[in-house]
Structure formats: C-alpha cells, structure tokens
PDB file of N, CA and C in Angstrom:
ATOM      1  N   UNK A   1      18.828 -59.021-194.215  1.00  0.00           N
ATOM      2  CA  UNK A   1      18.161 -59.546-195.391  1.00  0.00           C
ATOM      3  C   UNK A   1      19.215 -60.181-196.296  1.00  0.00           C
ATOM      4  N   UNK A   2      18.868 -61.300-196.855  1.00  0.00           N
ATOM      5  CA  UNK A   2      19.728 -61.944-197.844  1.00  0.00           C
ATOM      6  C   UNK A   2      18.997 -61.961-199.178  1.00  0.00           C
ATOM      7  N   UNK A   3      19.715 -61.618-200.231  1.00  0.00           N
ATOM      8  CA  UNK A   3      19.145 -61.624-201.582  1.00  0.00           C
ATOM      9  C   UNK A   3      20.082 -62.394-202.497  1.00  0.00           C
ATOM     10  N   UNK A   4      19.505 -62.945-203.567  1.00  0.00           N
ATOM     11  CA  UNK A   4      20.306 -63.757-204.490  1.00  0.00           C
ATOM     12  C   UNK A   4      19.789 -63.603-205.903  1.00  0.00           C
ATOM     13  N   UNK A   5      20.669 -63.918-206.839  1.00  0.00           N
ATOM     14  CA  UNK A   5      20.325 -63.837-208.254  1.00  0.00           C
ATOM     15  C   UNK A   5      21.129 -64.898-208.998  1.00  0.00           C
ATOM     16  N   UNK A   6      20.475 -65.576-209.926  1.00  0.00           N
ATOM     17  CA  UNK A   6      21.163 -66.510-210.806  1.00  0.00           C
ATOM     18  C   UNK A   6      21.207 -65.898-212.195  1.00  0.00           C
ATOM     19  N   UNK A   7      22.371 -65.953-212.823  1.00  0.00           N
ATOM     20  CA  UNK A   7      22.548 -65.434-214.178  1.00  0.00           C
ATOM     21  C   UNK A   7      23.031 -66.580-215.056  1.00  0.00           C
ATOM     22  N   UNK A   8      22.411 -66.736-216.204  1.00  0.00           N
ATOM     23  CA  UNK A   8      22.817 -67.762-217.164  1.00  0.00           C
ATOM     24  C   UNK A   8      23.071 -67.060-218.496  1.00  0.00           C
ATOM     25  N   UNK A   9      24.289 -67.236-219.017  1.00  0.00           N
ATOM     26  CA  UNK A   9      24.665 -66.648-220.305  1.00  0.00           C
ATOM     27  C   UNK A   9      25.031 -67.802-221.234  1.00  0.00           C
ATOM     28  N   UNK A  10      24.361 -67.869-222.367  1.00  0.00           N
ATOM     29  CA  UNK A  10      24.619 -68.953-223.329  1.00  0.00           C
ATOM     30  C   UNK A  10      25.580 -68.469-224.407  1.00  0.00           C
ATOM     31  N   UNK A  11      26.574 -69.303-224.708  1.00  0.00           N
ATOM     32  CA  UNK A  11      27.604 -69.004-225.700  1.00  0.00           C
ATOM     33  C   UNK A  11      27.445 -69.896-226.918  1.00  0.00           C
ATOM     34  N   UNK A  12      28.259 -69.617-227.938  1.00  0.00           N
ATOM     35  CA  UNK A  12      28.246 -70.414-229.163  1.00  0.00           C
ATOM     36  C   UNK A  12      28.842 -71.800-228.965  1.00  0.00           C
ATOM     37  N   UNK A  13      29.863 -71.871-228.098  1.00  0.00           N
ATOM     38  CA  UNK A  13      30.490 -73.166-227.865  1.00  0.00           C
ATOM     39  C   UNK A  13      31.037 -73.255-226.444  1.00  0.00           C
ATOM     40  N   UNK A  14      31.253 -74.489-226.002  1.00  0.00           N
ATOM     41  CA  UNK A  14      31.689 -74.743-224.630  1.00  0.00           C
ATOM     42  C   UNK A  14      33.099 -74.243-224.357  1.00  0.00           C
ATOM     43  N   UNK A  15      33.966 -74.239-225.349  1.00  0.00           N
ATOM     44  CA  UNK A  15      35.340 -73.762-225.150  1.00  0.00           C
ATOM     45  C   UNK A  15      35.365 -72.279-224.800  1.00  0.00           C
ATOM     46  N   UNK A  16      34.510 -71.500-225.439  1.00  0.00           N
ATOM     47  CA  UNK A  16      34.437 -70.070-225.138  1.00  0.00           C
ATOM     48  C   UNK A  16      33.980 -69.860-223.693  1.00  0.00           C
ATOM     49  N   UNK A  17      33.040 -70.674-223.250  1.00  0.00           N
ATOM     50  CA  UNK A  17      32.563 -70.577-221.866  1.00  0.00           C
ATOM     51  C   UNK A  17      33.712 -70.836-220.896  1.00  0.00           C
ATOM     52  N   UNK A  18      34.481 -71.877-221.157  1.00  0.00           N
ATOM     53  CA  UNK A  18      35.598 -72.230-220.277  1.00  0.00           C
ATOM     54  C   UNK A  18      36.641 -71.119-220.233  1.00  0.00           C
ATOM     55  N   UNK A  19      36.911 -70.505-221.374  1.00  0.00           N
ATOM     56  CA  UNK A  19      37.892 -69.426-221.430  1.00  0.00           C
ATOM     57  C   UNK A  19      37.407 -68.207-220.659  1.00  0.00           C
ATOM     58  N   UNK A  20      36.153 -67.838-220.845  1.00  0.00           N
ATOM     59  CA  UNK A  20      35.593 -66.693-220.122  1.00  0.00           C
ATOM     60  C   UNK A  20      35.577 -66.988-218.625  1.00  0.00           C
ATOM     61  N   UNK A  21      35.165 -68.177-218.247  1.00  0.00           N
ATOM     62  CA  UNK A  21      35.131 -68.552-216.838  1.00  0.00           C
ATOM     63  C   UNK A  21      36.516 -68.441-216.206  1.00  0.00           C
ATOM     64  N   UNK A  22      37.516 -68.936-216.899  1.00  0.00           N
ATOM     65  CA  UNK A  22      38.886 -68.874-216.388  1.00  0.00           C
ATOM     66  C   UNK A  22      39.326 -67.422-216.190  1.00  0.00           C
ATOM     67  N   UNK A  23      38.870 -66.537-217.064  1.00  0.00           N
ATOM     68  CA  UNK A  23      39.238 -65.124-216.987  1.00  0.00           C
ATOM     69  C   UNK A  23      38.587 -64.399-215.816  1.00  0.00           C
ATOM     70  N   UNK A  24      37.388 -64.813-215.439  1.00  0.00           N
ATOM     71  CA  UNK A  24      36.658 -64.086-214.398  1.00  0.00           C
ATOM     72  C   UNK A  24      36.729 -64.744-213.023  1.00  0.00           C
ATOM     73  N   UNK A  25      37.266 -65.935-212.939  1.00  0.00           N
ATOM     74  CA  UNK A  25      37.296 -66.659-211.656  1.00  0.00           C
ATOM     75  C   UNK A  25      37.997 -65.879-210.549  1.00  0.00           C
ATOM     76  N   UNK A  26      38.963 -65.089-210.894  1.00  0.00           N
ATOM     77  CA  UNK A  26      39.703 -64.301-209.903  1.00  0.00           C
ATOM     78  C   UNK A  26      38.772 -63.366-209.143  1.00  0.00           C
ATOM     79  N   UNK A  27      37.732 -62.871-209.810  1.00  0.00           N
ATOM     80  CA  UNK A  27      36.830 -61.902-209.211  1.00  0.00           C
ATOM     81  C   UNK A  27      35.658 -62.530-208.465  1.00  0.00           C
ATOM     82  N   UNK A  28      35.581 -63.835-208.357  1.00  0.00           N
ATOM     83  CA  UNK A  28      34.416 -64.476-207.749  1.00  0.00           C
ATOM     84  C   UNK A  28      34.260 -64.198-206.252  1.00  0.00           C
ATOM     85  N   UNK A  29      35.302 -64.314-205.479  1.00  0.00           N
ATOM     86  CA  UNK A  29      35.264 -64.151-204.028  1.00  0.00           C
ATOM     87  C   UNK A  29      34.110 -64.952-203.425  1.00  0.00           C
ATOM     88  N   UNK A  30      33.558 -64.524-202.304  1.00  0.00           N
ATOM     89  CA  UNK A  30      32.467 -65.275-201.682  1.00  0.00           C
ATOM     90  C   UNK A  30      31.095 -64.843-202.168  1.00  0.00           C
ATOM     91  N   UNK A  31      31.030 -63.762-202.943  1.00  0.00           N
ATOM     92  CA  UNK A  31      29.746 -63.237-203.408  1.00  0.00           C
ATOM     93  C   UNK A  31      29.231 -63.943-204.654  1.00  0.00           C
ATOM     94  N   UNK A  32      30.141 -64.471-205.466  1.00  0.00           N
ATOM     95  CA  UNK A  32      29.765 -65.041-206.754  1.00  0.00           C
ATOM     96  C   UNK A  32      30.365 -66.438-206.899  1.00  0.00           C
ATOM     97  N   UNK A  33      29.542 -67.352-207.355  1.00  0.00           N
ATOM     98  CA  UNK A  33      30.019 -68.691-207.704  1.00  0.00           C
ATOM     99  C   UNK A  33      29.636 -68.927-209.158  1.00  0.00           C
ATOM    100  N   UNK A  34      30.653 -69.057-210.003  1.00  0.00           N
ATOM    101  CA  UNK A  34      30.434 -69.261-211.440  1.00  0.00           C
ATOM    102  C   UNK A  34      30.876 -70.663-211.822  1.00  0.00           C
ATOM    103  N   UNK A  35      30.190 -71.216-212.822  1.00  0.00           N
ATOM    104  CA  UNK A  35      30.590 -72.526-213.337  1.00  0.00           C
ATOM    105  C   UNK A  35      30.180 -72.616-214.800  1.00  0.00           C
ATOM    106  N   UNK A  36      30.861 -73.494-215.503  1.00  0.00           N
ATOM    107  CA  UNK A  36      30.516 -73.786-216.892  1.00  0.00           C
ATOM    108  C   UNK A  36      29.568 -74.973-216.887  1.00  0.00           C
ATOM    109  N   UNK A  37      28.522 -74.873-217.695  1.00  0.00           N
ATOM    110  CA  UNK A  37      27.566 -75.963-217.845  1.00  0.00           C
ATOM    111  C   UNK A  37      27.285 -76.106-219.337  1.00  0.00           C
ATOM    112  N   UNK A  38      28.136 -76.877-220.010  1.00  0.00           N
ATOM    113  CA  UNK A  38      28.020 -77.001-221.461  1.00  0.00           C
ATOM    114  C   UNK A  38      28.336 -75.679-222.128  1.00  0.00           C
ATOM    115  N   UNK A  39      27.384 -75.157-222.880  1.00  0.00           N
ATOM    116  CA  UNK A  39      27.561 -73.869-223.562  1.00  0.00           C
ATOM    117  C   UNK A  39      27.109 -72.683-222.710  1.00  0.00           C
ATOM    118  N   UNK A  40      26.815 -72.938-221.447  1.00  0.00           N
ATOM    119  CA  UNK A  40      26.290 -71.881-220.577  1.00  0.00           C
ATOM    120  C   UNK A  40      27.258 -71.544-219.452  1.00  0.00           C
ATOM    121  N   UNK A  41      27.340 -70.268-219.167  1.00  0.00           N
ATOM    122  CA  UNK A  41      28.044 -69.766-218.002  1.00  0.00           C
ATOM    123  C   UNK A  41      26.965 -69.487-216.958  1.00  0.00           C
ATOM    124  N   UNK A  42      27.055 -70.144-215.813  1.00  0.00           N
ATOM    125  CA  UNK A  42      26.044 -70.019-214.774  1.00  0.00           C
ATOM    126  C   UNK A  42      26.685 -69.367-213.555  1.00  0.00           C
ATOM    127  N   UNK A  43      26.048 -68.306-213.074  1.00  0.00           N
ATOM    128  CA  UNK A  43      26.559 -67.596-211.899  1.00  0.00           C
ATOM    129  C   UNK A  43      25.474 -67.501-210.843  1.00  0.00           C
ATOM    130  N   UNK A  44      25.862 -67.753-209.616  1.00  0.00           N
ATOM    131  CA  UNK A  44      24.987 -67.552-208.475  1.00  0.00           C
ATOM    132  C   UNK A  44      25.593 -66.418-207.663  1.00  0.00           C
ATOM    133  N   UNK A  45      24.814 -65.356-207.503  1.00  0.00           N
ATOM    134  CA  UNK A  45      25.304 -64.166-206.816  1.00  0.00           C
ATOM    135  C   UNK A  45      24.461 -63.951-205.563  1.00  0.00           C
ATOM    136  N   UNK A  46      25.144 -63.705-204.441  1.00  0.00           N
ATOM    137  CA  UNK A  46      24.463 -63.481-203.173  1.00  0.00           C
ATOM    138  C   UNK A  46      24.948 -62.169-202.556  1.00  0.00           C
ATOM    139  N   UNK A  47      24.048 -61.522-201.817  1.00  0.00           N
ATOM    140  CA  UNK A  47      24.394 -60.280-201.133  1.00  0.00           C
ATOM    141  C   UNK A  47      23.482 -60.099-199.926  1.00  0.00           C
ATOM    142  N   UNK A  48      23.789 -59.085-199.146  1.00  0.00           N
ATOM    143  CA  UNK A  48      23.002 -58.833-197.932  1.00  0.00           C
ATOM    144  C   UNK A  48      21.972 -57.727-198.117  1.00  0.00           C
ATOM    145  N   UNK A  49      21.967 -57.086-199.290  1.00  0.00           N
ATOM    146  CA  UNK A  49      20.959 -56.064-199.583  1.00  0.00           C
ATOM    147  C   UNK A  49      20.747 -55.990-201.088  1.00  0.00           C
ATOM    148  N   UNK A  50      19.641 -55.413-201.480  1.00  0.00           N
ATOM    149  CA  UNK A  50      19.346 -55.283-202.907  1.00  0.00           C
ATOM    150  C   UNK A  50      20.376 -54.391-203.585  1.00  0.00           C
ATOM    151  N   UNK A  51      20.746 -53.290-202.946  1.00  0.00           N
ATOM    152  CA  UNK A  51      21.728 -52.391-203.571  1.00  0.00           C
ATOM    153  C   UNK A  51      23.089 -53.066-203.723  1.00  0.00           C
ATOM    154  N   UNK A  52      23.473 -53.849-202.751  1.00  0.00           N
ATOM    155  CA  UNK A  52      24.732 -54.588-202.845  1.00  0.00           C
ATOM    156  C   UNK A  52      24.661 -55.637-203.951  1.00  0.00           C
ATOM    157  N   UNK A  53      23.519 -56.308-204.068  1.00  0.00           N
ATOM    158  CA  UNK A  53      23.331 -57.291-205.132  1.00  0.00           C
ATOM    159  C   UNK A  53      23.445 -56.633-206.500  1.00  0.00           C
ATOM    160  N   UNK A  54      22.795 -55.501-206.674  1.00  0.00           N
ATOM    161  CA  UNK A  54      22.859 -54.797-207.959  1.00  0.00           C
ATOM    162  C   UNK A  54      24.285 -54.377-208.292  1.00  0.00           C
ATOM    163  N   UNK A  55      25.021 -53.915-207.298  1.00  0.00           N
ATOM    164  CA  UNK A  55      26.421 -53.520-207.511  1.00  0.00           C
ATOM    165  C   UNK A  55      27.260 -54.734-207.926  1.00  0.00           C
ATOM    166  N   UNK A  56      27.049 -55.857-207.257  1.00  0.00           N
ATOM    167  CA  UNK A  56      27.797 -57.074-207.577  1.00  0.00           C
ATOM    168  C   UNK A  56      27.454 -57.585-208.972  1.00  0.00           C
ATOM    169  N   UNK A  57      26.172 -57.558-209.328  1.00  0.00           N
ATOM    170  CA  UNK A  57      25.756 -57.969-210.673  1.00  0.00           C
ATOM    171  C   UNK A  57      26.408 -57.079-211.722  1.00  0.00           C
ATOM    172  N   UNK A  58      26.400 -55.778-211.482  1.00  0.00           N
ATOM    173  CA  UNK A  58      27.012 -54.831-212.422  1.00  0.00           C
ATOM    174  C   UNK A  58      28.503 -55.126-212.599  1.00  0.00           C
ATOM    175  N   UNK A  59      29.208 -55.329-211.503  1.00  0.00           N
ATOM    176  CA  UNK A  59      30.641 -55.652-211.575  1.00  0.00           C
ATOM    177  C   UNK A  59      30.877 -56.970-212.305  1.00  0.00           C
ATOM    178  N   UNK A  60      30.076 -57.967-211.984  1.00  0.00           N
ATOM    179  CA  UNK A  60      30.229 -59.281-212.599  1.00  0.00           C
ATOM    180  C   UNK A  60      30.027 -59.206-214.106  1.00  0.00           C
ATOM    181  N   UNK A  61      28.940 -58.560-214.523  1.00  0.00           N
ATOM    182  CA  UNK A  61      28.652 -58.465-215.956  1.00  0.00           C
ATOM    183  C   UNK A  61      29.692 -57.634-216.695  1.00  0.00           C
ATOM    184  N   UNK A  62      30.260 -56.636-216.033  1.00  0.00           N
ATOM    185  CA  UNK A  62      31.337 -55.858-216.647  1.00  0.00           C
ATOM    186  C   UNK A  62      32.562 -56.747-216.886  1.00  0.00           C
ATOM    187  N   UNK A  63      32.904 -57.573-215.908  1.00  0.00           N
ATOM    188  CA  UNK A  63      34.037 -58.498-216.063  1.00  0.00           C
ATOM    189  C   UNK A  63      33.771 -59.515-217.163  1.00  0.00           C
ATOM    190  N   UNK A  64      32.564 -60.045-217.214  1.00  0.00           N
ATOM    191  CA  UNK A  64      32.199 -61.001-218.263  1.00  0.00           C
ATOM    192  C   UNK A  64      32.284 -60.336-219.630  1.00  0.00           C
ATOM    193  N   UNK A  65      31.806 -59.118-219.726  1.00  0.00           N
ATOM    194  CA  UNK A  65      31.837 -58.392-220.999  1.00  0.00           C
ATOM    195  C   UNK A  65      33.265 -58.198-221.499  1.00  0.00           C
ATOM    196  N   UNK A  66      34.162 -57.808-220.614  1.00  0.00           N
ATOM    197  CA  UNK A  66      35.568 -57.636-220.994  1.00  0.00           C
ATOM    198  C   UNK A  66      36.155 -58.972-221.438  1.00  0.00           C
ATOM    199  N   UNK A  67      35.871 -60.025-220.698  1.00  0.00           N
ATOM    200  CA  UNK A  67      36.396 -61.353-221.051  1.00  0.00           C
ATOM    201  C   UNK A  67      35.866 -61.809-222.410  1.00  0.00           C
ATOM    202  N   UNK A  68      34.586 -61.576-222.663  1.00  0.00           N
ATOM    203  CA  UNK A  68      34.006 -61.954-223.956  1.00  0.00           C
ATOM    204  C   UNK A  68      34.674 -61.179-225.081  1.00  0.00           C
ATOM    205  N   UNK A  69      34.874 -59.890-224.879  1.00  0.00           N
ATOM    206  CA  UNK A  69      35.528 -59.079-225.910  1.00  0.00           C
ATOM    207  C   UNK A  69      36.935 -59.568-226.208  1.00  0.00           C
ATOM    208  N   UNK A  70      37.663 -59.990-225.191  1.00  0.00           N
ATOM    209  CA  UNK A  70      39.015 -60.506-225.396  1.00  0.00           C
ATOM    210  C   UNK A  70      38.986 -61.843-226.131  1.00  0.00           C
ATOM    211  N   UNK A  71      38.067 -62.714-225.765  1.00  0.00           N
ATOM    212  CA  UNK A  71      37.936 -64.020-226.427  1.00  0.00           C
ATOM    213  C   UNK A  71      37.544 -63.846-227.896  1.00  0.00           C
ATOM    214  N   UNK A  72      36.639 -62.904-228.164  1.00  0.00           N
ATOM    215  CA  UNK A  72      36.183 -62.678-229.537  1.00  0.00           C
ATOM    216  C   UNK A  72      37.262 -62.078-230.433  1.00  0.00           C
ATOM    217  N   UNK A  73      38.291 -61.461-229.853  1.00  0.00           N
ATOM    218  CA  UNK A  73      39.373 -60.884-230.667  1.00  0.00           C
ATOM    219  C   UNK A  73      40.297 -61.947-231.233  1.00  0.00           C
ATOM    220  N   UNK A  74      40.302 -63.123-230.608  1.00  0.00           N
ATOM    221  CA  UNK A  74      41.180 -64.207-231.096  1.00  0.00           C
ATOM    222  C   UNK A  74      40.733 -64.757-232.419  1.00  0.00           C
TER     223      UNK A  74
END
C-alpha cells in the first residue's frame, strides 16, 4: 500500500519560508519533498503504510517547529 499527504504551512513572509526550508532540507530524504511557494511551505510526504506516514509527518512537523522557533528568535 502506498499512502501520501500534502502539508501546507503559511508564513508571514517569504523570507521566513526560505529560511525554514533551508533548515529542514537535510531531513527530507526520499520520503519528503519540501518547497517554498511564496509565503507557503509545501511538503509532499509519501510512505508505504499509514503508521509510517504518521511517523514521518510527526518527525517532519517537529523539525519544522524547531526551525520556526529558531527563526522567530532572530
């Protein structure tokens, strides 16, 4: 079985999106493809099972959260 999820996170400005994207790109591997689209961070996540997808989403959002917190401290 193949499962997928698209996540879109909207930011205040495009520069913040680019900074967050640059911070999380290391963790993308083959499961996640992230890109900046204006003020939005768009991620396409794929997995072979629902439980694997949920785990990947959880990891991805944790990385995004840390990156956002670091960007907001500046």
